[in-house]
Amino acid sequence: MSARIPDPVPADAAPADPMHWIDELEAVPSAVTIGKFDGVHIGHQRIIEQLRAIAEPQGLATTVVTFDRNPLEVVRPDVAPLPLVSLDHKLELLAAAGADRVIVIPFTKAAAAQPADEFATRVLFDGLGARVLLVGDDFRFGFRGAGTPELLRELAEPRDVRVESIDDICFTDGRRVSSTWIREALDLGRIREANEMLGRRHLLRGDVVRGFQRGRALGFPTANLGAPVEGFIPADGVYAGVAHVDAGTFAAAVSIGDNPTFDGVQAKTVEAYLLDVDLDLYDRPIALELVDFVRPMHRFEGLDQLIAQMHRDVEVTRETIAPLLAAEA
């Protein structure tokens, strides 16, 4: 994958040329799609498969254009959702899905003000060398979303550029798979539903930091993820998961929430108890794949009740994860 990843640009930046970096791109014959691609879920993966199927017979580069942030963070920050994945993770996922090139556009207020026809010409046609464009029927681009697929076809026709439509991916109830639906599922702790739409296990990543050491005192030493945590943090509760650290891959009981049995704990924590291993993970990276919801958070009357429940959580996690690790070994 070749990627253009510009340095972060403040949302209120107003460079003389909001697309100044586009001149650095090599315009090669390409099949192009553009979007937020938050989560790179099964719908997004199907888009890239469809794009590759168009590109390869014609010798075109499969090219994905995305943004360094959700455009709503600039134009409507009051309603902008939290991202499902970080930008770095999104680039990894797009490459794994089959993109030859991933182009990241810094979305600033100046970029948001660019007219639709200028964006199409400078970015898609001249900047990238698009020969085929694959877009959804609800695709909008340019200032105030004035650009539509119909306008794109009008602009593309004189250049002999073809505009193709994306096929929606729906579940059995007819609802289209979307990043919004995945966030809803995660907010409710429905991790299996979210994973089915993602086409993989939902991932949280971060560096391990020192916590209150309460887990170790109770016989369950946990790895606490420091802020910021990469990935959308789901509903409070205990999850069965898989932990990836530099020492290997292990089953993990993952606790997310405010630990209501104890006072003075910050509003939202992510911590993982790695089963059958005792490692010093401080200041080291950890990735947690969430597999299933075990139970919601609730306050225990005493430590004996809490410890007994933690033992049950570990056994549920072991029963859930052990077959997965054995199958993947």
Protein backbone atom coordinates (compact mmCIF):
# COMPACT_ATOMS: atom_id res chain seq x y z
CA MET A 1 0.00 0.00 0.00
CA SER A 2 1.18 3.52 -0.68
CA ALA A 3 -0.48 6.06 1.55
CA ARG A 4 -0.40 9.79 1.81
CA ILE A 5 -0.88 10.56 5.50
CA PRO A 6 -0.53 14.30 6.08
CA ASP A 7 0.36 15.75 9.45
CA PRO A 8 -2.73 16.55 11.56
CA VAL A 9 -4.25 19.88 10.54
CA PRO A 10 -6.30 22.02 12.97
CA ALA A 11 -9.97 22.10 12.00
CA ASP A 12 -9.96 25.90 11.82
CA ALA A 13 -6.82 26.07 9.69
CA ALA A 14 -7.19 28.10 6.53
CA PRO A 15 -4.22 27.42 4.24
CA ALA A 16 -4.08 29.39 1.01
CA ASP A 17 -4.63 26.15 -0.88
CA PRO A 18 -6.75 23.69 1.14
CA MET A 19 -5.68 20.86 -1.18
CA HIS A 20 -2.01 21.87 -1.37
CA TRP A 21 -0.79 18.32 -0.79
CA ILE A 22 -2.63 16.96 -3.82
CA ASP A 23 0.18 18.20 -6.08
CA GLU A 24 2.43 15.63 -4.44
CA LEU A 25 0.25 12.74 -5.56
CA GLU A 26 1.06 10.77 -8.65
CA ALA A 27 -1.92 10.62 -11.00
CA VAL A 28 -2.02 6.98 -12.09
CA PRO A 29 -4.92 5.26 -13.83
CA SER A 30 -7.14 4.31 -10.93
CA ALA A 31 -10.46 2.89 -9.84
CA VAL A 32 -11.46 5.13 -6.94
CA THR A 33 -13.94 5.09 -4.10
CA ILE A 34 -14.28 7.71 -1.39
CA GLY A 35 -15.81 7.75 2.08
CA LYS A 36 -15.28 7.87 5.83
CA PHE A 37 -14.83 4.08 6.05
CA ASP A 38 -15.19 4.22 9.82
CA GLY A 39 -14.66 0.71 11.15
CA VAL A 40 -13.98 -0.77 7.69
CA HIS A 41 -16.95 -3.10 8.25
CA ILE A 42 -18.25 -5.85 5.94
CA GLY A 43 -20.03 -3.27 3.79
CA HIS A 44 -16.79 -1.36 3.27
CA GLN A 45 -14.92 -4.58 2.61
CA ARG A 46 -17.45 -5.52 -0.07
CA ILE A 47 -16.99 -2.08 -1.67
CA ILE A 48 -13.24 -2.65 -1.95
CA GLU A 49 -13.84 -6.16 -3.34
CA GLN A 50 -16.19 -4.64 -5.93
CA LEU A 51 -13.61 -1.94 -6.69
CA ARG A 52 -10.83 -4.51 -7.19
CA ALA A 53 -13.08 -6.54 -9.47
CA ILE A 54 -13.46 -3.44 -11.63
CA ALA A 55 -9.83 -2.32 -11.40
CA GLU A 56 -7.84 -5.49 -12.02
CA PRO A 57 -9.14 -6.43 -15.51
CA GLN A 58 -8.35 -2.88 -16.66
CA GLY A 59 -4.96 -2.62 -14.99
CA LEU A 60 -6.13 0.17 -12.66
CA ALA A 61 -4.90 0.87 -9.14
CA THR A 62 -7.52 0.13 -6.46
CA THR A 63 -7.59 3.49 -4.69
CA VAL A 64 -9.48 4.45 -1.53
CA VAL A 65 -9.88 8.09 -0.53
CA THR A 66 -10.77 8.83 3.08
CA PHE A 67 -10.44 11.57 5.69
CA ASP A 68 -8.24 12.18 8.73
CA ARG A 69 -11.39 12.66 10.80
CA ASN A 70 -15.16 12.44 10.47
CA PRO A 71 -16.18 15.55 8.48
CA LEU A 72 -18.91 16.15 11.08
CA GLU A 73 -16.17 17.00 13.57
CA VAL A 74 -15.62 20.14 11.50
CA VAL A 75 -19.05 21.01 10.10
CA ARG A 76 -21.27 19.74 12.98
CA PRO A 77 -19.09 18.94 16.00
CA ASP A 78 -22.17 18.83 18.25
CA VAL A 79 -23.42 15.67 16.53
CA ALA A 80 -20.14 14.07 15.45
CA PRO A 81 -19.94 10.44 16.63
CA LEU A 82 -16.90 8.88 18.22
CA PRO A 83 -14.87 6.86 15.69
CA LEU A 84 -14.96 3.08 15.72
CA VAL A 85 -11.25 2.86 14.92
CA SER A 86 -8.25 5.18 14.93
CA LEU A 87 -6.86 6.57 11.69
CA ASP A 88 -3.83 4.27 11.92
CA HIS A 89 -6.03 1.22 12.40
CA LYS A 90 -8.30 2.29 9.56
CA LEU A 91 -5.34 2.46 7.19
CA GLU A 92 -4.24 -1.03 8.26
CA LEU A 93 -7.74 -2.39 7.68
CA LEU A 94 -8.13 -0.74 4.27
CA ALA A 95 -4.83 -2.21 3.12
CA ALA A 96 -5.84 -5.64 4.43
CA ALA A 97 -9.14 -5.35 2.57
CA GLY A 98 -7.29 -4.98 -0.72
CA ALA A 99 -6.64 -1.28 -1.35
CA ASP A 100 -3.53 -0.61 -3.45
CA ARG A 101 -3.49 3.06 -2.47
CA VAL A 102 -5.10 4.88 0.46
CA ILE A 103 -5.24 8.65 0.22
CA VAL A 104 -6.02 10.61 3.39
CA ILE A 105 -7.56 14.06 3.02
CA PRO A 106 -7.05 16.46 5.96
CA PHE A 107 -10.61 17.67 6.54
CA THR A 108 -10.47 21.33 7.58
CA LYS A 109 -13.00 24.16 7.42
CA ALA A 110 -11.23 25.37 4.28
CA ALA A 111 -11.49 21.92 2.71
CA ALA A 112 -15.18 21.76 3.65
CA ALA A 113 -15.74 25.00 1.76
CA GLN A 114 -14.33 23.66 -1.52
CA PRO A 115 -16.95 23.63 -4.32
CA ALA A 116 -18.04 20.20 -5.47
CA ASP A 117 -16.88 20.61 -9.08
CA GLU A 118 -13.45 21.81 -7.95
CA PHE A 119 -13.07 18.85 -5.60
CA ALA A 120 -14.00 16.37 -8.31
CA THR A 121 -11.62 17.92 -10.82
CA ARG A 122 -8.62 18.58 -8.60
CA VAL A 123 -8.77 15.50 -6.40
CA LEU A 124 -10.53 12.72 -8.27
CA PHE A 125 -9.76 13.40 -11.92
CA ASP A 126 -6.47 15.34 -12.03
CA GLY A 127 -5.01 14.43 -8.64
CA LEU A 128 -5.67 10.69 -8.67
CA GLY A 129 -6.14 9.88 -12.33
CA ALA A 130 -9.54 8.26 -11.74
CA ARG A 131 -10.84 6.23 -14.69
CA VAL A 132 -13.66 4.61 -12.69
CA LEU A 133 -15.46 6.00 -9.63
CA LEU A 134 -17.46 3.74 -7.32
CA VAL A 135 -19.92 5.65 -5.11
CA GLY A 136 -23.14 5.05 -3.19
CA ASP A 137 -26.46 6.58 -4.14
CA ASP A 138 -26.28 8.74 -1.01
CA PHE A 139 -22.74 9.98 -1.76
CA ARG A 140 -22.31 13.72 -1.23
CA PHE A 141 -19.21 15.87 -1.72
CA GLY A 142 -18.11 19.49 -1.85
CA PHE A 143 -19.40 22.56 -0.04
CA ARG A 144 -22.55 21.77 1.98
CA GLY A 145 -22.78 18.40 0.27
CA ALA A 146 -23.90 19.97 -2.99
CA GLY A 147 -22.18 17.27 -5.05
CA THR A 148 -24.32 14.25 -5.87
CA PRO A 149 -23.73 11.08 -7.93
CA GLU A 150 -25.68 12.74 -10.75
CA LEU A 151 -23.36 15.78 -10.73
CA LEU A 152 -20.35 13.47 -10.58
CA ARG A 153 -21.59 11.63 -13.69
CA GLU A 154 -22.04 14.96 -15.51
CA LEU A 155 -18.49 16.00 -14.64
CA ALA A 156 -17.06 12.56 -15.45
CA GLU A 157 -18.67 11.98 -18.85
CA PRO A 158 -16.57 14.49 -20.86
CA ARG A 159 -13.43 12.94 -19.36
CA ASP A 160 -14.49 9.41 -20.29
CA VAL A 161 -14.59 8.47 -16.60
CA ARG A 162 -17.16 5.87 -15.60
CA VAL A 163 -19.24 6.23 -12.41
CA GLU A 164 -20.49 2.97 -10.90
CA SER A 165 -22.98 2.42 -8.07
CA ILE A 166 -22.19 0.57 -4.84
CA ASP A 167 -24.33 -2.38 -3.79
CA ASP A 168 -25.70 -2.11 -0.24
CA ILE A 169 -24.94 -4.89 2.26
CA CYS A 170 -28.00 -5.77 4.35
CA PHE A 171 -28.72 -8.16 7.21
CA THR A 172 -31.70 -10.49 7.26
CA ASP A 173 -33.99 -7.77 8.62
CA GLY A 174 -33.19 -5.62 5.58
CA ARG A 175 -31.24 -2.97 7.49
CA ARG A 176 -28.11 -1.75 5.74
CA VAL A 177 -24.86 -2.43 7.59
CA SER A 178 -23.46 0.89 8.78
CA SER A 179 -20.99 2.36 11.24
CA THR A 180 -23.96 3.92 13.06
CA TRP A 181 -25.58 0.52 13.59
CA ILE A 182 -22.29 -0.92 14.87
CA ARG A 183 -21.96 1.94 17.38
CA GLU A 184 -25.53 1.28 18.54
CA ALA A 185 -24.71 -2.40 19.09
CA LEU A 186 -21.52 -1.57 21.00
CA ASP A 187 -23.34 0.99 23.15
CA LEU A 188 -25.68 -1.83 24.19
CA GLY A 189 -22.91 -4.37 24.77
CA ARG A 190 -24.05 -6.51 21.82
CA ILE A 191 -20.51 -7.42 20.89
CA ARG A 192 -21.39 -10.49 18.81
CA GLU A 193 -23.73 -8.42 16.66
CA ALA A 194 -21.08 -5.72 16.21
CA ASN A 195 -18.42 -8.30 15.34
CA GLU A 196 -20.66 -9.89 12.73
CA MET A 197 -21.04 -6.52 11.00
CA LEU A 198 -17.35 -5.70 11.35
CA GLY A 199 -16.34 -9.06 9.91
CA ARG A 200 -13.80 -9.40 12.74
CA ARG A 201 -13.56 -8.94 16.51
CA HIS A 202 -13.88 -5.38 17.78
CA LEU A 203 -10.47 -4.12 18.90
CA LEU A 204 -9.26 -1.82 21.66
CA ARG A 205 -5.59 -0.83 21.78
CA GLY A 206 -3.40 1.16 24.14
CA ASP A 207 -0.41 1.17 26.44
CA VAL A 208 -0.58 -0.48 29.87
CA VAL A 209 -0.39 1.97 32.77
CA ARG A 210 -0.36 1.56 36.54
CA GLY A 211 -3.80 1.49 38.12
CA PHE A 212 -4.93 1.24 41.73
CA GLN A 213 -3.47 -2.31 42.07
CA ARG A 214 -6.82 -3.51 43.47
CA GLY A 215 -7.00 -6.43 41.05
CA ARG A 216 -3.59 -7.71 42.10
CA ALA A 217 -4.57 -7.49 45.77
CA LEU A 218 -7.66 -9.61 44.99
CA GLY A 219 -5.65 -12.21 43.08
CA PHE A 220 -6.59 -10.93 39.61
CA PRO A 221 -3.82 -8.59 38.40
CA THR A 222 -5.12 -6.55 35.47
CA ALA A 223 -3.52 -4.61 32.63
CA ASN A 224 -5.03 -1.12 32.61
CA LEU A 225 -5.16 0.71 29.28
CA GLY A 226 -4.07 4.31 29.54
CA ALA A 227 -5.86 7.16 27.80
CA PRO A 228 -6.44 7.62 24.97
CA VAL A 229 -7.69 4.13 24.14
CA GLU A 230 -7.78 3.33 20.41
CA GLY A 231 -11.18 2.06 19.37
CA PHE A 232 -14.80 2.69 20.35
CA ILE A 233 -15.29 1.73 24.01
CA PRO A 234 -18.50 -0.33 24.33
CA ALA A 235 -21.05 -0.53 27.13
CA ASP A 236 -19.87 -1.05 30.68
CA GLY A 237 -19.51 -4.69 31.62
CA VAL A 238 -17.25 -7.71 31.59
CA TYR A 239 -16.29 -9.23 28.23
CA ALA A 240 -14.57 -12.41 27.17
CA GLY A 241 -11.69 -11.40 24.95
CA VAL A 242 -8.33 -12.17 23.41
CA ALA A 243 -5.28 -10.17 24.47
CA HIS A 244 -2.33 -9.66 22.14
CA VAL A 245 0.93 -8.58 23.79
CA ASP A 246 4.54 -8.93 22.75
CA ALA A 247 4.80 -12.11 24.85
CA GLY A 248 1.99 -13.83 22.97
CA THR A 249 -1.79 -14.20 22.70
CA PHE A 250 -3.93 -15.05 25.74
CA ALA A 251 -7.54 -15.37 26.85
CA ALA A 252 -8.58 -12.29 28.82
CA ALA A 253 -11.48 -11.22 30.99
CA VAL A 254 -11.94 -7.55 30.07
CA SER A 255 -13.64 -5.15 32.46
CA ILE A 256 -15.01 -1.89 31.08
CA GLY A 257 -16.63 0.73 33.28
CA ASP A 258 -16.35 2.57 36.56
CA ASN A 259 -15.82 -0.37 38.99
CA PRO A 260 -18.88 0.52 41.13
CA THR A 261 -17.73 -1.57 44.13
CA PHE A 262 -14.89 0.92 44.72
CA ASP A 263 -15.07 4.67 45.26
CA GLY A 264 -12.78 7.17 43.57
CA VAL A 265 -12.42 5.34 40.25
CA GLN A 266 -12.45 7.43 37.07
CA ALA A 267 -15.61 7.34 34.97
CA LYS A 268 -14.44 4.87 32.34
CA THR A 269 -11.64 2.33 32.57
CA VAL A 270 -10.56 -0.58 30.38
CA GLU A 271 -8.62 -3.34 32.12
CA ALA A 272 -7.88 -6.95 31.25
CA TYR A 273 -7.03 -9.97 33.36
CA LEU A 274 -4.91 -12.32 31.25
CA LEU A 275 -5.69 -15.92 32.13
CA ASP A 276 -3.00 -18.40 33.20
CA VAL A 277 -0.08 -15.98 32.85
CA ASP A 278 1.62 -13.36 35.03
CA LEU A 279 3.45 -10.75 32.96
CA ASP A 280 4.93 -7.34 33.63
CA LEU A 281 3.14 -5.31 30.94
CA TYR A 282 3.64 -1.79 32.26
CA ASP A 283 4.39 0.76 29.52
CA ARG A 284 3.95 -1.92 26.84
CA PRO A 285 1.29 -1.99 24.11
CA ILE A 286 -1.71 -4.30 24.34
CA ALA A 287 -4.52 -5.07 21.90
CA LEU A 288 -7.82 -6.50 23.15
CA GLU A 289 -10.24 -8.29 20.84
CA LEU A 290 -13.71 -8.48 22.39
CA VAL A 291 -15.51 -11.76 21.67
CA ASP A 292 -18.60 -11.96 23.88
CA PHE A 293 -20.47 -10.09 26.62
CA VAL A 294 -20.24 -11.87 29.98
CA ARG A 295 -22.23 -9.67 32.37
CA PRO A 296 -23.11 -6.06 33.18
CA MET A 297 -21.37 -4.08 35.91
CA HIS A 298 -23.00 -3.95 39.33
CA ARG A 299 -22.04 -3.07 42.87
CA PHE A 300 -21.14 -5.91 45.26
CA GLU A 301 -21.83 -5.74 49.00
CA GLY A 302 -18.38 -7.04 49.90
CA LEU A 303 -15.07 -8.27 48.55
CA ASP A 304 -16.01 -11.93 49.02
CA GLN A 305 -18.94 -11.53 46.62
CA LEU A 306 -16.75 -9.65 44.16
CA ILE A 307 -13.99 -12.29 44.23
CA ALA A 308 -16.49 -15.11 43.77
CA GLN A 309 -17.98 -13.32 40.77
CA MET A 310 -14.53 -12.69 39.29
CA HIS A 311 -13.81 -16.43 39.47
CA ARG A 312 -17.06 -17.07 37.57
CA ASP A 313 -16.13 -14.43 35.00
CA VAL A 314 -12.78 -16.12 34.43
CA GLU A 315 -14.40 -19.53 33.93
CA VAL A 316 -16.93 -18.14 31.44
CA THR A 317 -14.07 -16.43 29.61
CA ARG A 318 -12.02 -19.63 29.58
CA GLU A 319 -14.94 -21.65 28.16
CA THR A 320 -15.55 -18.99 25.50
CA ILE A 321 -11.99 -18.27 24.39
CA ALA A 322 -10.08 -21.55 24.80
CA PRO A 323 -11.73 -23.21 21.77
CA LEU A 324 -11.00 -20.13 19.64
CA LEU A 325 -7.32 -20.05 20.58
CA ALA A 326 -7.02 -23.79 20.02
CA ALA A 327 -8.60 -23.48 16.56
CA GLU A 328 -6.31 -20.58 15.64
CA ALA A 329 -3.11 -22.17 16.97
